[in-house]
Amino acid sequence: MTRTVIRNVAISIAVGTAFAGLTLSLGKLSVISENSVVGGAQHLVVVLLLPGMLGAAAAANNAHAWYLGAAAAVNWLVYFAITWIGLSLAGRLLRAKA
């Protein structure tokens, strides 16, 4: 494997792990702060975690009782894939221009 592929995979693992960690701390993120800047950031993070919540609800066949671990796994997969595909496409576009 080339250095670029290893770098893309390492960055994708880091991004996926960050979103999985944020998913596991969803209980603390769901209480929105009164500070408008912090509250806006919390709202944005919760919106970004929706794919995992929807995936966990689908896996549990219950929209009201789902496991955070399943949501974290779904978010890890989603954001790993998005990051890896994005980095791969960006690298190809940059090589094509050079």
Protein backbone atom coordinates (compact mmCIF):
# COMPACT_ATOMS: atom_id res chain seq x y z
CA MET A 1 0.00 0.00 0.00
CA THR A 2 1.16 3.47 -0.72
CA ARG A 3 1.66 6.18 1.85
CA THR A 4 -1.36 8.06 0.55
CA VAL A 5 -3.68 5.09 1.12
CA ILE A 6 -2.30 4.53 4.63
CA ARG A 7 -2.68 8.25 5.40
CA ASN A 8 -6.26 8.30 4.09
CA VAL A 9 -7.18 5.24 6.17
CA ALA A 10 -5.54 6.67 9.30
CA ILE A 11 -7.36 9.99 8.96
CA SER A 12 -10.64 8.18 8.26
CA ILE A 13 -10.19 6.01 11.36
CA ALA A 14 -9.54 9.13 13.46
CA VAL A 15 -12.63 10.95 12.13
CA GLY A 16 -14.82 7.85 12.58
CA THR A 17 -13.55 7.39 16.11
CA ALA A 18 -14.20 11.05 16.95
CA PHE A 19 -17.81 10.78 15.81
CA ALA A 20 -18.26 7.46 17.63
CA GLY A 21 -16.96 9.11 20.81
CA LEU A 22 -19.33 12.04 20.35
CA THR A 23 -22.16 9.56 19.92
CA LEU A 24 -21.30 7.89 23.21
CA SER A 25 -21.45 11.30 24.93
CA LEU A 26 -24.85 12.09 23.41
CA GLY A 27 -26.51 12.25 26.83
CA LYS A 28 -24.44 15.28 27.80
CA LEU A 29 -24.79 16.88 24.36
CA SER A 30 -28.58 16.67 24.37
CA VAL A 31 -28.90 19.32 27.11
CA ILE A 32 -28.50 22.49 25.04
CA SER A 33 -26.58 25.32 26.68
CA GLU A 34 -28.12 28.76 27.21
CA ASN A 35 -25.03 30.32 25.61
CA SER A 36 -26.05 30.82 21.98
CA VAL A 37 -22.62 29.93 20.53
CA VAL A 38 -22.20 26.77 22.59
CA GLY A 39 -25.85 25.85 22.11
CA GLY A 40 -25.52 26.26 18.34
CA ALA A 41 -22.43 24.05 18.29
CA GLN A 42 -24.22 21.40 20.37
CA HIS A 43 -27.20 21.51 18.03
CA LEU A 44 -24.92 21.07 15.00
CA VAL A 45 -23.13 18.10 16.58
CA VAL A 46 -26.42 16.38 17.45
CA VAL A 47 -27.62 16.87 13.86
CA LEU A 48 -24.38 15.32 12.57
CA LEU A 49 -24.99 12.30 14.83
CA LEU A 50 -28.45 11.62 13.37
CA PRO A 51 -27.31 8.88 10.93
CA GLY A 52 -26.17 6.73 13.84
CA MET A 53 -29.33 7.36 15.82
CA LEU A 54 -31.50 6.43 12.84
CA GLY A 55 -29.39 3.34 12.13
CA ALA A 56 -29.57 2.19 15.75
CA ALA A 57 -33.34 2.76 15.80
CA ALA A 58 -33.69 0.72 12.61
CA ALA A 59 -31.53 -2.09 14.01
CA ALA A 60 -33.54 -2.15 17.25
CA ASN A 61 -36.89 -1.91 15.41
CA ASN A 62 -37.80 0.72 17.97
CA ALA A 63 -37.50 4.47 17.55
CA HIS A 64 -37.67 5.12 21.30
CA ALA A 65 -35.29 2.55 22.78
CA TRP A 66 -32.00 2.02 20.95
CA TYR A 67 -28.45 1.39 22.11
CA LEU A 68 -25.78 4.08 22.03
CA GLY A 69 -23.18 1.46 21.14
CA ALA A 70 -25.08 0.60 17.95
CA ALA A 71 -25.44 4.29 17.11
CA ALA A 72 -21.71 4.80 17.68
CA ALA A 73 -20.89 1.87 15.38
CA VAL A 74 -23.15 3.21 12.63
CA ASN A 75 -21.67 6.71 12.96
CA TRP A 76 -18.14 5.26 12.85
CA LEU A 77 -18.93 3.42 9.62
CA VAL A 78 -20.70 6.40 8.02
CA TYR A 79 -18.03 8.97 8.82
CA PHE A 80 -15.15 6.59 8.06
CA ALA A 81 -16.64 6.00 4.61
CA ILE A 82 -17.39 9.66 3.94
CA THR A 83 -13.89 10.73 4.97
CA TRP A 84 -12.14 7.96 3.06
CA ILE A 85 -14.10 8.60 -0.14
CA GLY A 86 -13.64 12.36 0.19
CA LEU A 87 -9.87 12.10 0.71
CA SER A 88 -9.52 9.62 -2.15
CA LEU A 89 -11.45 11.84 -4.55
CA ALA A 90 -9.55 14.95 -3.46
CA GLY A 91 -6.25 13.16 -4.04
CA ARG A 92 -7.30 12.06 -7.51
CA LEU A 93 -8.46 15.54 -8.44
CA LEU A 94 -5.19 17.06 -7.22
CA ARG A 95 -3.12 14.50 -9.17
CA ALA A 96 -5.20 15.12 -12.31
CA LYS A 97 -4.51 18.87 -12.12
CA ALA A 98 -0.75 18.39 -11.60
